[in-house]
Every structure is written in structure tokens, then in C-alpha cells.
PDB file of all heavy atoms in Angstrom:
ATOM      1  N   ASN A   1       8.775  10.312  -3.132  1.00  0.00           N
ATOM      2  CA  ASN A   1       8.970   9.964  -1.723  1.00  0.00           C
ATOM      3  C   ASN A   1       9.200  11.224  -0.905  1.00  0.00           C
ATOM      4  O   ASN A   1      10.038  12.055  -1.233  1.00  0.00           O
ATOM      5  CB  ASN A   1      10.161   9.023  -1.562  1.00  0.00           C
ATOM      6  CG  ASN A   1       9.810   7.574  -1.860  1.00  0.00           C
ATOM      7  OD1 ASN A   1      10.155   7.050  -2.899  1.00  0.00           O
ATOM      8  ND2 ASN A   1       9.081   6.934  -0.949  1.00  0.00           N
ATOM      9  N   LYS A   2       8.454  11.359   0.186  1.00  0.00           N
ATOM     10  CA  LYS A   2       8.480  12.583   0.979  1.00  0.00           C
ATOM     11  C   LYS A   2       9.492  12.542   2.126  1.00  0.00           C
ATOM     12  O   LYS A   2       9.929  13.586   2.597  1.00  0.00           O
ATOM     13  CB  LYS A   2       7.081  12.866   1.530  1.00  0.00           C
ATOM     14  CG  LYS A   2       6.048  13.152   0.435  1.00  0.00           C
ATOM     15  CD  LYS A   2       4.678  13.377   1.031  1.00  0.00           C
ATOM     16  CE  LYS A   2       3.665  13.794  -0.030  1.00  0.00           C
ATOM     17  NZ  LYS A   2       3.468  12.736  -1.048  1.00  0.00           N
ATOM     18  N   LYS A   3       9.848  11.345   2.566  1.00  0.00           N
ATOM     19  CA  LYS A   3      10.776  11.211   3.688  1.00  0.00           C
ATOM     20  C   LYS A   3      11.982  10.390   3.232  1.00  0.00           C
ATOM     21  O   LYS A   3      11.896   9.156   3.129  1.00  0.00           O
ATOM     22  CB  LYS A   3      10.098  10.539   4.878  1.00  0.00           C
ATOM     23  CG  LYS A   3       8.910  11.318   5.440  1.00  0.00           C
ATOM     24  CD  LYS A   3       8.283  10.573   6.603  1.00  0.00           C
ATOM     25  CE  LYS A   3       7.090  11.309   7.177  1.00  0.00           C
ATOM     26  NZ  LYS A   3       6.469  10.560   8.314  1.00  0.00           N
ATOM     27  N   VAL A   4      13.077  11.070   2.959  1.00  0.00           N
ATOM     28  CA  VAL A   4      14.283  10.416   2.448  1.00  0.00           C
ATOM     29  C   VAL A   4      15.476  10.890   3.270  1.00  0.00           C
ATOM     30  O   VAL A   4      15.736  12.088   3.359  1.00  0.00           O
ATOM     31  CB  VAL A   4      14.526  10.720   0.957  1.00  0.00           C
ATOM     32  CG1 VAL A   4      15.751   9.959   0.452  1.00  0.00           C
ATOM     33  CG2 VAL A   4      13.297  10.380   0.121  1.00  0.00           C
ATOM     34  N   LEU A   5      16.183   9.952   3.858  1.00  0.00           N
ATOM     35  CA  LEU A   5      17.394  10.254   4.618  1.00  0.00           C
ATOM     36  C   LEU A   5      18.591   9.741   3.826  1.00  0.00           C
ATOM     37  O   LEU A   5      18.713   8.548   3.564  1.00  0.00           O
ATOM     38  CB  LEU A   5      17.340   9.577   5.994  1.00  0.00           C
ATOM     39  CG  LEU A   5      18.563   9.774   6.891  1.00  0.00           C
ATOM     40  CD1 LEU A   5      18.676  11.232   7.331  1.00  0.00           C
ATOM     41  CD2 LEU A   5      18.495   8.851   8.107  1.00  0.00           C
ATOM     42  N   HIS A   6      19.475  10.643   3.447  1.00  0.00           N
ATOM     43  CA  HIS A   6      20.666  10.278   2.670  1.00  0.00           C
ATOM     44  C   HIS A   6      21.834  10.016   3.617  1.00  0.00           C
ATOM     45  O   HIS A   6      22.329  10.929   4.281  1.00  0.00           O
ATOM     46  CB  HIS A   6      21.026  11.404   1.701  1.00  0.00           C
ATOM     47  CG  HIS A   6      20.091  11.531   0.546  1.00  0.00           C
ATOM     48  ND1 HIS A   6      20.314  10.899  -0.666  1.00  0.00           N
ATOM     49  CD2 HIS A   6      18.913  12.210   0.416  1.00  0.00           C
ATOM     50  CE1 HIS A   6      19.325  11.195  -1.501  1.00  0.00           C
ATOM     51  NE2 HIS A   6      18.460  11.980  -0.867  1.00  0.00           N
ATOM     52  N   LEU A   7      22.291   8.778   3.655  1.00  0.00           N
ATOM     53  CA  LEU A   7      23.407   8.440   4.536  1.00  0.00           C
ATOM     54  C   LEU A   7      24.740   8.968   4.009  1.00  0.00           C
ATOM     55  O   LEU A   7      25.602   9.357   4.794  1.00  0.00           O
ATOM     56  CB  LEU A   7      23.516   6.920   4.699  1.00  0.00           C
ATOM     57  CG  LEU A   7      22.512   6.234   5.616  1.00  0.00           C
ATOM     58  CD1 LEU A   7      22.803   4.744   5.673  1.00  0.00           C
ATOM     59  CD2 LEU A   7      22.538   6.832   7.021  1.00  0.00           C
ATOM     60  N   HIS A   8      24.904   8.964   2.704  1.00  0.00           N
ATOM     61  CA  HIS A   8      26.218   9.265   2.127  1.00  0.00           C
ATOM     62  C   HIS A   8      26.270  10.612   1.414  1.00  0.00           C
ATOM     63  O   HIS A   8      27.157  10.847   0.601  1.00  0.00           O
ATOM     64  CB  HIS A   8      26.626   8.143   1.172  1.00  0.00           C
ATOM     65  CG  HIS A   8      26.807   6.826   1.867  1.00  0.00           C
ATOM     66  ND1 HIS A   8      26.720   5.614   1.221  1.00  0.00           N
ATOM     67  CD2 HIS A   8      27.059   6.532   3.175  1.00  0.00           C
ATOM     68  CE1 HIS A   8      26.920   4.630   2.094  1.00  0.00           C
ATOM     69  NE2 HIS A   8      27.119   5.169   3.281  1.00  0.00           N
ATOM     70  N   GLY A   9      25.317  11.480   1.719  1.00  0.00           N
ATOM     71  CA  GLY A   9      25.336  12.809   1.121  1.00  0.00           C
ATOM     72  C   GLY A   9      24.426  12.914  -0.089  1.00  0.00           C
ATOM     73  O   GLY A   9      23.678  11.974  -0.415  1.00  0.00           O
ATOM     74  N   GLU A  10      24.498  14.057  -0.754  1.00  0.00           N
ATOM     75  CA  GLU A  10      23.622  14.319  -1.895  1.00  0.00           C
ATOM     76  C   GLU A  10      24.427  14.963  -3.022  1.00  0.00           C
ATOM     77  O   GLU A  10      25.142  15.938  -2.810  1.00  0.00           O
ATOM     78  CB  GLU A  10      22.469  15.231  -1.478  1.00  0.00           C
ATOM     79  CG  GLU A  10      21.565  14.599  -0.427  1.00  0.00           C
ATOM     80  CD  GLU A  10      20.412  15.499  -0.032  1.00  0.00           C
ATOM     81  OE1 GLU A  10      19.613  15.848  -0.914  1.00  0.00           O
ATOM     82  OE2 GLU A  10      20.338  15.867   1.161  1.00  0.00           O
ATOM     83  N   LEU A  11      24.277  14.397  -4.199  1.00  0.00           N
ATOM     84  CA  LEU A  11      25.054  14.842  -5.342  1.00  0.00           C
ATOM     85  C   LEU A  11      24.770  16.285  -5.729  1.00  0.00           C
ATOM     86  O   LEU A  11      25.665  17.001  -6.195  1.00  0.00           O
ATOM     87  CB  LEU A  11      24.767  13.910  -6.529  1.00  0.00           C
ATOM     88  CG  LEU A  11      25.599  14.083  -7.794  1.00  0.00           C
ATOM     89  CD1 LEU A  11      27.087  13.965  -7.504  1.00  0.00           C
ATOM     90  CD2 LEU A  11      25.176  13.054  -8.835  1.00  0.00           C
ATOM     91  N   ASN A  12      23.539  16.718  -5.547  1.00  0.00           N
ATOM     92  CA  ASN A  12      23.152  18.067  -5.970  1.00  0.00           C
ATOM     93  C   ASN A  12      23.383  19.124  -4.891  1.00  0.00           C
ATOM     94  O   ASN A  12      22.817  20.213  -4.964  1.00  0.00           O
ATOM     95  CB  ASN A  12      21.687  18.085  -6.406  1.00  0.00           C
ATOM     96  CG  ASN A  12      21.495  17.429  -7.765  1.00  0.00           C
ATOM     97  OD1 ASN A  12      22.357  17.540  -8.629  1.00  0.00           O
ATOM     98  ND2 ASN A  12      20.389  16.744  -7.953  1.00  0.00           N
ATOM     99  N   LYS A  13      24.206  18.782  -3.908  1.00  0.00           N
ATOM    100  CA  LYS A  13      24.560  19.754  -2.877  1.00  0.00           C
ATOM    101  C   LYS A  13      26.081  19.824  -2.744  1.00  0.00           C
ATOM    102  O   LYS A  13      26.789  18.867  -3.075  1.00  0.00           O
ATOM    103  CB  LYS A  13      23.939  19.378  -1.531  1.00  0.00           C
ATOM    104  CG  LYS A  13      22.424  19.476  -1.506  1.00  0.00           C
ATOM    105  CD  LYS A  13      21.869  19.134  -0.131  1.00  0.00           C
ATOM    106  CE  LYS A  13      20.338  19.256  -0.112  1.00  0.00           C
ATOM    107  NZ  LYS A  13      19.783  18.924   1.226  1.00  0.00           N
ATOM    108  N   VAL A  14      26.553  20.953  -2.264  1.00  0.00           N
ATOM    109  CA  VAL A  14      27.972  21.110  -1.943  1.00  0.00           C
ATOM    110  C   VAL A  14      28.079  21.694  -0.545  1.00  0.00           C
ATOM    111  O   VAL A  14      27.122  22.260  -0.018  1.00  0.00           O
ATOM    112  CB  VAL A  14      28.711  22.016  -2.967  1.00  0.00           C
ATOM    113  CG1 VAL A  14      28.715  21.378  -4.343  1.00  0.00           C
ATOM    114  CG2 VAL A  14      28.080  23.405  -3.021  1.00  0.00           C
ATOM    115  N   CYS A  15      29.247  21.528   0.041  1.00  0.00           N
ATOM    116  CA  CYS A  15      29.471  22.064   1.373  1.00  0.00           C
ATOM    117  C   CYS A  15      30.861  22.681   1.435  1.00  0.00           C
ATOM    118  O   CYS A  15      31.665  22.541   0.504  1.00  0.00           O
ATOM    119  CB  CYS A  15      29.315  20.979   2.439  1.00  0.00           C
ATOM    120  SG  CYS A  15      30.510  19.638   2.308  1.00  0.00           S
ATOM    121  N   SER A  16      31.134  23.347   2.515  1.00  0.00           N
ATOM    122  CA  SER A  16      32.452  23.935   2.709  1.00  0.00           C
ATOM    123  C   SER A  16      33.442  22.856   3.112  1.00  0.00           C
ATOM    124  O   SER A  16      33.111  21.947   3.878  1.00  0.00           O
ATOM    125  CB  SER A  16      32.387  25.011   3.799  1.00  0.00           C
ATOM    126  OG  SER A  16      33.689  25.398   4.188  1.00  0.00           O
ATOM    127  N   SER A  17      34.657  22.939   2.612  1.00  0.00           N
ATOM    128  CA  SER A  17      35.677  21.959   2.982  1.00  0.00           C
ATOM    129  C   SER A  17      36.172  22.152   4.408  1.00  0.00           C
ATOM    130  O   SER A  17      36.851  21.279   4.944  1.00  0.00           O
ATOM    131  CB  SER A  17      36.857  22.031   2.008  1.00  0.00           C
ATOM    132  OG  SER A  17      37.372  23.341   1.945  1.00  0.00           O
ATOM    133  N   CYS A  18      35.809  23.284   5.032  1.00  0.00           N
ATOM    134  CA  CYS A  18      36.216  23.498   6.423  1.00  0.00           C
ATOM    135  C   CYS A  18      35.027  23.505   7.377  1.00  0.00           C
ATOM    136  O   CYS A  18      35.208  23.514   8.590  1.00  0.00           O
ATOM    137  CB  CYS A  18      37.000  24.810   6.567  1.00  0.00           C
ATOM    138  SG  CYS A  18      36.008  26.301   6.326  1.00  0.00           S
ATOM    139  N   ASP A  19      33.799  23.500   6.844  1.00  0.00           N
ATOM    140  CA  ASP A  19      32.614  23.577   7.694  1.00  0.00           C
ATOM    141  C   ASP A  19      31.464  22.870   6.984  1.00  0.00           C
ATOM    142  O   ASP A  19      30.756  23.478   6.179  1.00  0.00           O
ATOM    143  CB  ASP A  19      32.255  25.039   7.981  1.00  0.00           C
ATOM    144  CG  ASP A  19      31.001  25.175   8.845  1.00  0.00           C
ATOM    145  OD1 ASP A  19      30.529  24.142   9.366  1.00  0.00           O
ATOM    146  OD2 ASP A  19      30.508  26.304   8.989  1.00  0.00           O
ATOM    147  N   GLN A  20      31.274  21.577   7.279  1.00  0.00           N
ATOM    148  CA  GLN A  20      30.260  20.817   6.555  1.00  0.00           C
ATOM    149  C   GLN A  20      28.847  21.148   7.001  1.00  0.00           C
ATOM    150  O   GLN A  20      27.883  20.596   6.487  1.00  0.00           O
ATOM    151  CB  GLN A  20      30.549  19.318   6.666  1.00  0.00           C
ATOM    152  CG  GLN A  20      31.811  18.917   5.922  1.00  0.00           C
ATOM    153  CD  GLN A  20      31.883  17.423   5.649  1.00  0.00           C
ATOM    154  OE1 GLN A  20      30.883  16.711   5.646  1.00  0.00           O
ATOM    155  NE2 GLN A  20      33.080  16.934   5.417  1.00  0.00           N
ATOM    156  N   ASP A  21      28.684  22.048   7.968  1.00  0.00           N
ATOM    157  CA  ASP A  21      27.353  22.565   8.280  1.00  0.00           C
ATOM    158  C   ASP A  21      26.941  23.642   7.272  1.00  0.00           C
ATOM    159  O   ASP A  21      25.761  24.013   7.219  1.00  0.00           O
ATOM    160  CB  ASP A  21      27.328  23.149   9.696  1.00  0.00           C
ATOM    161  CG  ASP A  21      27.397  22.066  10.761  1.00  0.00           C
ATOM    162  OD1 ASP A  21      26.926  20.942  10.480  1.00  0.00           O
ATOM    163  OD2 ASP A  21      27.921  22.331  11.852  1.00  0.00           O
ATOM    164  N   TYR A  22      27.904  24.133   6.496  1.00  0.00           N
ATOM    165  CA  TYR A  22      27.579  25.102   5.441  1.00  0.00           C
ATOM    166  C   TYR A  22      27.300  24.304   4.174  1.00  0.00           C
ATOM    167  O   TYR A  22      28.199  23.766   3.521  1.00  0.00           O
ATOM    168  CB  TYR A  22      28.737  26.077   5.205  1.00  0.00           C
ATOM    169  CG  TYR A  22      28.450  27.084   4.105  1.00  0.00           C
ATOM    170  CD1 TYR A  22      27.658  28.199   4.349  1.00  0.00           C
ATOM    171  CD2 TYR A  22      28.940  26.890   2.813  1.00  0.00           C
ATOM    172  CE1 TYR A  22      27.379  29.107   3.339  1.00  0.00           C
ATOM    173  CE2 TYR A  22      28.661  27.791   1.796  1.00  0.00           C
ATOM    174  CZ  TYR A  22      27.881  28.904   2.069  1.00  0.00           C
ATOM    175  OH  TYR A  22      27.595  29.798   1.054  1.00  0.00           O
ATOM    176  N   ILE A  23      26.026  24.212   3.832  1.00  0.00           N
ATOM    177  CA  ILE A  23      25.571  23.374   2.718  1.00  0.00           C
ATOM    178  C   ILE A  23      24.697  24.211   1.800  1.00  0.00           C
ATOM    179  O   ILE A  23      23.820  24.941   2.273  1.00  0.00           O
ATOM    180  CB  ILE A  23      24.763  22.167   3.231  1.00  0.00           C
ATOM    181  CG1 ILE A  23      25.593  21.348   4.222  1.00  0.00           C
ATOM    182  CG2 ILE A  23      24.294  21.291   2.073  1.00  0.00           C
ATOM    183  CD1 ILE A  23      24.772  20.337   5.009  1.00  0.00           C
ATOM    184  N   ILE A  24      24.930  24.119   0.509  1.00  0.00           N
ATOM    185  CA  ILE A  24      24.070  24.805  -0.457  1.00  0.00           C
ATOM    186  C   ILE A  24      23.666  23.827  -1.553  1.00  0.00           C
ATOM    187  O   ILE A  24      24.396  22.889  -1.870  1.00  0.00           O
ATOM    188  CB  ILE A  24      24.746  26.059  -1.062  1.00  0.00           C
ATOM    189  CG1 ILE A  24      26.043  25.692  -1.774  1.00  0.00           C
ATOM    190  CG2 ILE A  24      25.001  27.104  -0.001  1.00  0.00           C
ATOM    191  CD1 ILE A  24      26.679  26.869  -2.497  1.00  0.00           C
ATOM    192  N   SER A  25      22.486  24.046  -2.113  1.00  0.00           N
ATOM    193  CA  SER A  25      21.988  23.216  -3.204  1.00  0.00           C
ATOM    194  C   SER A  25      22.375  23.830  -4.536  1.00  0.00           C
ATOM    195  O   SER A  25      22.305  25.050  -4.717  1.00  0.00           O
ATOM    196  CB  SER A  25      20.463  23.077  -3.117  1.00  0.00           C
ATOM    197  OG  SER A  25      20.088  22.446  -1.916  1.00  0.00           O
ATOM    198  N   LEU A  26      22.779  22.973  -5.462  1.00  0.00           N
ATOM    199  CA  LEU A  26      23.086  23.416  -6.811  1.00  0.00           C
ATOM    200  C   LEU A  26      21.817  23.389  -7.645  1.00  0.00           C
ATOM    201  O   LEU A  26      20.983  22.502  -7.504  1.00  0.00           O
ATOM    202  CB  LEU A  26      24.145  22.524  -7.441  1.00  0.00           C
ATOM    203  CG  LEU A  26      25.507  22.498  -6.739  1.00  0.00           C
ATOM    204  CD1 LEU A  26      26.417  21.457  -7.390  1.00  0.00           C
ATOM    205  CD2 LEU A  26      26.177  23.864  -6.770  1.00  0.00           C
ATOM    206  N   SER A  27      21.671  24.355  -8.518  1.00  0.00           N
ATOM    207  CA  SER A  27      20.507  24.404  -9.401  1.00  0.00           C
ATOM    208  C   SER A  27      20.856  23.778 -10.748  1.00  0.00           C
ATOM    209  O   SER A  27      22.027  23.581 -11.074  1.00  0.00           O
ATOM    210  CB  SER A  27      20.066  25.852  -9.607  1.00  0.00           C
ATOM    211  OG  SER A  27      21.051  26.570 -10.337  1.00  0.00           O
ATOM    212  N   GLU A  28      19.832  23.473 -11.531  1.00  0.00           N
ATOM    213  CA  GLU A  28      20.091  22.927 -12.861  1.00  0.00           C
ATOM    214  C   GLU A  28      20.762  23.957 -13.750  1.00  0.00           C
ATOM    215  O   GLU A  28      21.473  23.613 -14.683  1.00  0.00           O
ATOM    216  CB  GLU A  28      18.780  22.444 -13.490  1.00  0.00           C
ATOM    217  CG  GLU A  28      18.203  21.218 -12.810  1.00  0.00           C
ATOM    218  CD  GLU A  28      17.190  20.505 -13.672  1.00  0.00           C
ATOM    219  OE1 GLU A  28      16.938  20.974 -14.808  1.00  0.00           O
ATOM    220  OE2 GLU A  28      16.660  19.483 -13.214  1.00  0.00           O
ATOM    221  N   ASP A  29      20.545  25.240 -13.454  1.00  0.00           N
ATOM    222  CA  ASP A  29      21.213  26.282 -14.221  1.00  0.00           C
ATOM    223  C   ASP A  29      22.675  26.435 -13.825  1.00  0.00           C
ATOM    224  O   ASP A  29      23.483  26.946 -14.590  1.00  0.00           O
ATOM    225  CB  ASP A  29      20.494  27.628 -14.021  1.00  0.00           C
ATOM    226  CG  ASP A  29      19.084  27.617 -14.584  1.00  0.00           C
ATOM    227  OD1 ASP A  29      18.849  26.854 -15.547  1.00  0.00           O
ATOM    228  OD2 ASP A  29      18.222  28.332 -14.050  1.00  0.00           O
ATOM    229  N   GLN A  30      23.022  26.005 -12.616  1.00  0.00           N
ATOM    230  CA  GLN A  30      24.398  26.098 -12.147  1.00  0.00           C
ATOM    231  C   GLN A  30      24.761  24.796 -11.426  1.00  0.00           C
ATOM    232  O   GLN A  30      24.876  24.741 -10.205  1.00  0.00           O
ATOM    233  CB  GLN A  30      24.576  27.287 -11.194  1.00  0.00           C
ATOM    234  CG  GLN A  30      26.026  27.557 -10.833  1.00  0.00           C
ATOM    235  CD  GLN A  30      26.157  28.736  -9.881  1.00  0.00           C
ATOM    236  OE1 GLN A  30      25.170  29.269  -9.395  1.00  0.00           O
ATOM    237  NE2 GLN A  30      27.392  29.141  -9.620  1.00  0.00           N
ATOM    238  N   PRO A  31      24.988  23.714 -12.207  1.00  0.00           N
ATOM    239  CA  PRO A  31      25.223  22.410 -11.599  1.00  0.00           C
ATOM    240  C   PRO A  31      26.676  22.140 -11.228  1.00  0.00           C
ATOM    241  O   PRO A  31      26.992  21.052 -10.766  1.00  0.00           O
ATOM    242  CB  PRO A  31      24.766  21.448 -12.700  1.00  0.00           C
ATOM    243  CG  PRO A  31      25.078  22.173 -13.968  1.00  0.00           C
ATOM    244  CD  PRO A  31      24.893  23.640 -13.680  1.00  0.00           C
ATOM    245  N   TYR A  32      27.560  23.101 -11.452  1.00  0.00           N
ATOM    246  CA  TYR A  32      28.978  22.850 -11.253  1.00  0.00           C
ATOM    247  C   TYR A  32      29.563  23.746 -10.168  1.00  0.00           C
ATOM    248  O   TYR A  32      29.065  24.828  -9.892  1.00  0.00           O
ATOM    249  CB  TYR A  32      29.757  23.111 -12.555  1.00  0.00           C
ATOM    250  CG  TYR A  32      29.192  22.410 -13.756  1.00  0.00           C
ATOM    251  CD1 TYR A  32      28.601  23.119 -14.800  1.00  0.00           C
ATOM    252  CD2 TYR A  32      29.230  21.017 -13.848  1.00  0.00           C
ATOM    253  CE1 TYR A  32      28.075  22.468 -15.897  1.00  0.00           C
ATOM    254  CE2 TYR A  32      28.708  20.362 -14.944  1.00  0.00           C
ATOM    255  CZ  TYR A  32      28.132  21.092 -15.964  1.00  0.00           C
ATOM    256  OH  TYR A  32      27.603  20.442 -17.047  1.00  0.00           O
ATOM    257  N   ILE A  33      30.642  23.258  -9.579  1.00  0.00           N
ATOM    258  CA  ILE A  33      31.503  24.111  -8.771  1.00  0.00           C
ATOM    259  C   ILE A  33      32.927  23.957  -9.304  1.00  0.00           C
ATOM    260  O   ILE A  33      33.276  22.921  -9.886  1.00  0.00           O
ATOM    261  CB  ILE A  33      31.453  23.771  -7.269  1.00  0.00           C
ATOM    262  CG1 ILE A  33      31.698  22.280  -7.025  1.00  0.00           C
ATOM    263  CG2 ILE A  33      30.166  24.222  -6.641  1.00  0.00           C
ATOM    264  CD1 ILE A  33      31.848  21.925  -5.552  1.00  0.00           C
ATOM    265  N   GLN A  34      33.726  24.977  -9.110  1.00  0.00           N
ATOM    266  CA  GLN A  34      35.080  24.982  -9.645  1.00  0.00           C
ATOM    267  C   GLN A  34      36.052  25.388  -8.544  1.00  0.00           C
ATOM    268  O   GLN A  34      35.656  25.878  -7.486  1.00  0.00           O
ATOM    269  CB  GLN A  34      35.179  25.961 -10.824  1.00  0.00           C
ATOM    270  CG  GLN A  34      34.226  25.654 -11.955  1.00  0.00           C
ATOM    271  CD  GLN A  34      34.249  26.733 -13.034  1.00  0.00           C
ATOM    272  OE1 GLN A  34      34.755  27.824 -12.812  1.00  0.00           O
ATOM    273  NE2 GLN A  34      33.712  26.418 -14.191  1.00  0.00           N
ATOM    274  N   LEU A  35      37.306  25.170  -8.810  1.00  0.00           N
ATOM    275  CA  LEU A  35      38.318  25.683  -7.898  1.00  0.00           C
ATOM    276  C   LEU A  35      38.189  27.192  -7.815  1.00  0.00           C
ATOM    277  O   LEU A  35      38.046  27.869  -8.834  1.00  0.00           O
ATOM    278  CB  LEU A  35      39.716  25.295  -8.380  1.00  0.00           C
ATOM    279  CG  LEU A  35      40.156  23.854  -8.151  1.00  0.00           C
ATOM    280  CD1 LEU A  35      41.569  23.658  -8.688  1.00  0.00           C
ATOM    281  CD2 LEU A  35      40.078  23.472  -6.683  1.00  0.00           C
ATOM    282  N   GLY A  36      38.178  27.707  -6.609  1.00  0.00           N
ATOM    283  CA  GLY A  36      37.982  29.141  -6.412  1.00  0.00           C
ATOM    284  C   GLY A  36      36.598  29.506  -5.949  1.00  0.00           C
ATOM    285  O   GLY A  36      36.361  30.640  -5.538  1.00  0.00           O
ATOM    286  N   ASP A  37      35.662  28.529  -5.989  1.00  0.00           N
ATOM    287  CA  ASP A  37      34.324  28.752  -5.429  1.00  0.00           C
ATOM    288  C   ASP A  37      34.413  28.502  -3.923  1.00  0.00           C
ATOM    289  O   ASP A  37      34.652  27.369  -3.487  1.00  0.00           O
ATOM    290  CB  ASP A  37      33.300  27.814  -6.063  1.00  0.00           C
ATOM    291  CG  ASP A  37      33.045  28.148  -7.524  1.00  0.00           C
ATOM    292  OD1 ASP A  37      33.330  29.288  -7.926  1.00  0.00           O
ATOM    293  OD2 ASP A  37      32.571  27.257  -8.263  1.00  0.00           O
TER     294      ASP A  37
END
């Protein structure tokens, strides 16, 4: 599917806890985030 709008976010992305406009995609090589990231 080429046109997908996610209402509740995306599991393979993370954002800043103070700025949700800062969004990055996680790769299969680095699927985790930890405290301190």
C-alpha cells in the first residue's frame, strides 16, 4: 500500500519526549532505544 496514514503512530519510529516533531526511523539493525538515548 502506497498511501497509509497512521493515526496512532508507528512502532518502527521514535520521537523526542520534548519535541514530537523530532522523529527518526529505527532500522532492523538497531530496533531498540534505551534510557540515555
